Amino acid sequence: MLTDLSQLQVETTDLSERDVPGIVVGSAATVSVDALGQTVTGHVIAIAPLADTLGGDVIYKATIALDTQPVGFRPGMSVGVRIEP
């Protein structure tokens, strides 16, 4: 399997049902890659139409396209995400 590392995206798995009504495709996002000490901007390109549950909480997946690719960023790295409503 080959992976295109030039256009990595971030997928959240914990967008709360309380927050999802204020988020739309195109919403600005800030992504912090702690392992690299870098923060980059991006925007929401997809929000799952169906909810999941996590520890009893209702959550939605959101996909974020990064405006720039952090140097050293690799698939599977942990990130922190803030999405602007």
Protein backbone atom coordinates (compact mmCIF):
# COMPACT_ATOMS: atom_id res chain seq x y z
CA MET A 1 0.00 0.00 0.00
CA LEU A 2 1.29 3.46 -0.91
CA THR A 3 0.33 6.63 0.96
CA ASP A 4 0.57 10.16 -0.44
CA LEU A 5 2.34 11.99 2.38
CA SER A 6 2.21 15.37 0.65
CA GLN A 7 -1.45 16.03 1.49
CA LEU A 8 -2.12 14.50 4.90
CA GLN A 9 -5.43 15.32 6.56
CA VAL A 10 -6.53 15.20 10.18
CA GLU A 11 -9.61 13.29 11.30
CA THR A 12 -11.12 14.10 14.67
CA THR A 13 -13.10 11.46 16.50
CA ASP A 14 -14.48 13.55 19.33
CA LEU A 15 -16.50 16.46 17.96
CA SER A 16 -19.24 16.75 20.58
CA GLU A 17 -22.92 16.81 19.69
CA ARG A 18 -23.04 20.13 21.58
CA ASP A 19 -20.41 21.64 19.27
CA VAL A 20 -21.39 20.14 15.91
CA PRO A 21 -24.34 22.51 15.19
CA GLY A 22 -21.91 25.46 15.08
CA ILE A 23 -19.39 23.75 12.77
CA VAL A 24 -19.77 23.71 8.99
CA VAL A 25 -17.68 22.57 6.06
CA GLY A 26 -15.22 25.42 5.57
CA SER A 27 -14.90 26.28 9.28
CA ALA A 28 -11.36 27.36 10.19
CA ALA A 29 -9.29 25.02 12.34
CA THR A 30 -6.01 25.16 14.23
CA VAL A 31 -4.04 21.93 14.52
CA SER A 32 -1.24 21.48 17.09
CA VAL A 33 1.27 18.70 16.49
CA ASP A 34 2.83 18.32 19.93
CA ALA A 35 5.53 15.86 18.83
CA LEU A 36 6.85 18.47 16.39
CA GLY A 37 6.12 21.58 18.46
CA GLN A 38 4.25 23.03 15.50
CA THR A 39 0.83 24.55 14.95
CA VAL A 40 -0.78 24.89 11.52
CA THR A 41 -4.07 26.14 10.19
CA GLY A 42 -6.61 24.28 8.15
CA HIS A 43 -10.31 24.01 7.42
CA VAL A 44 -13.07 21.44 7.82
CA ILE A 45 -13.73 19.53 4.61
CA ALA A 46 -16.20 16.94 5.94
CA ILE A 47 -18.41 16.19 8.94
CA ALA A 48 -19.83 12.70 9.39
CA PRO A 49 -23.60 12.65 8.87
CA LEU A 50 -24.03 9.94 11.51
CA ALA A 51 -22.95 10.02 15.13
CA ASP A 52 -20.80 7.55 17.05
CA THR A 53 -20.56 7.12 20.81
CA LEU A 54 -17.42 7.37 22.89
CA GLY A 55 -17.66 6.56 26.58
CA GLY A 56 -21.37 7.39 26.55
CA ASP A 57 -20.87 10.71 24.72
CA VAL A 58 -22.33 11.34 21.27
CA ILE A 59 -19.57 12.44 18.89
CA TYR A 60 -19.04 13.11 15.19
CA LYS A 61 -15.97 12.66 13.01
CA ALA A 62 -14.67 15.74 11.21
CA THR A 63 -11.97 15.80 8.54
CA ILE A 64 -9.61 18.77 8.33
CA ALA A 65 -7.41 19.69 5.37
CA LEU A 66 -4.19 21.37 6.45
CA ASP A 67 -3.15 24.63 4.76
CA THR A 68 0.52 23.58 5.02
CA GLN A 69 2.14 20.26 5.85
CA PRO A 70 4.32 20.44 8.98
CA VAL A 71 7.87 19.25 8.38
CA GLY A 72 8.17 15.75 9.85
CA PHE A 73 4.39 15.17 10.08
CA ARG A 74 3.56 11.48 9.73
CA PRO A 75 0.38 9.39 9.58
CA GLY A 76 -0.83 8.41 13.05
CA MET A 77 0.73 11.32 14.96
CA SER A 78 -1.41 12.74 17.77
CA VAL A 79 -2.72 16.25 17.28
CA GLY A 80 -4.86 18.76 19.13
CA VAL A 81 -7.61 20.42 17.10
CA ARG A 82 -9.57 23.62 17.68
CA ILE A 83 -12.38 24.34 15.22
CA GLU A 84 -13.78 27.85 15.08
CA PRO A 85 -17.58 28.04 15.00
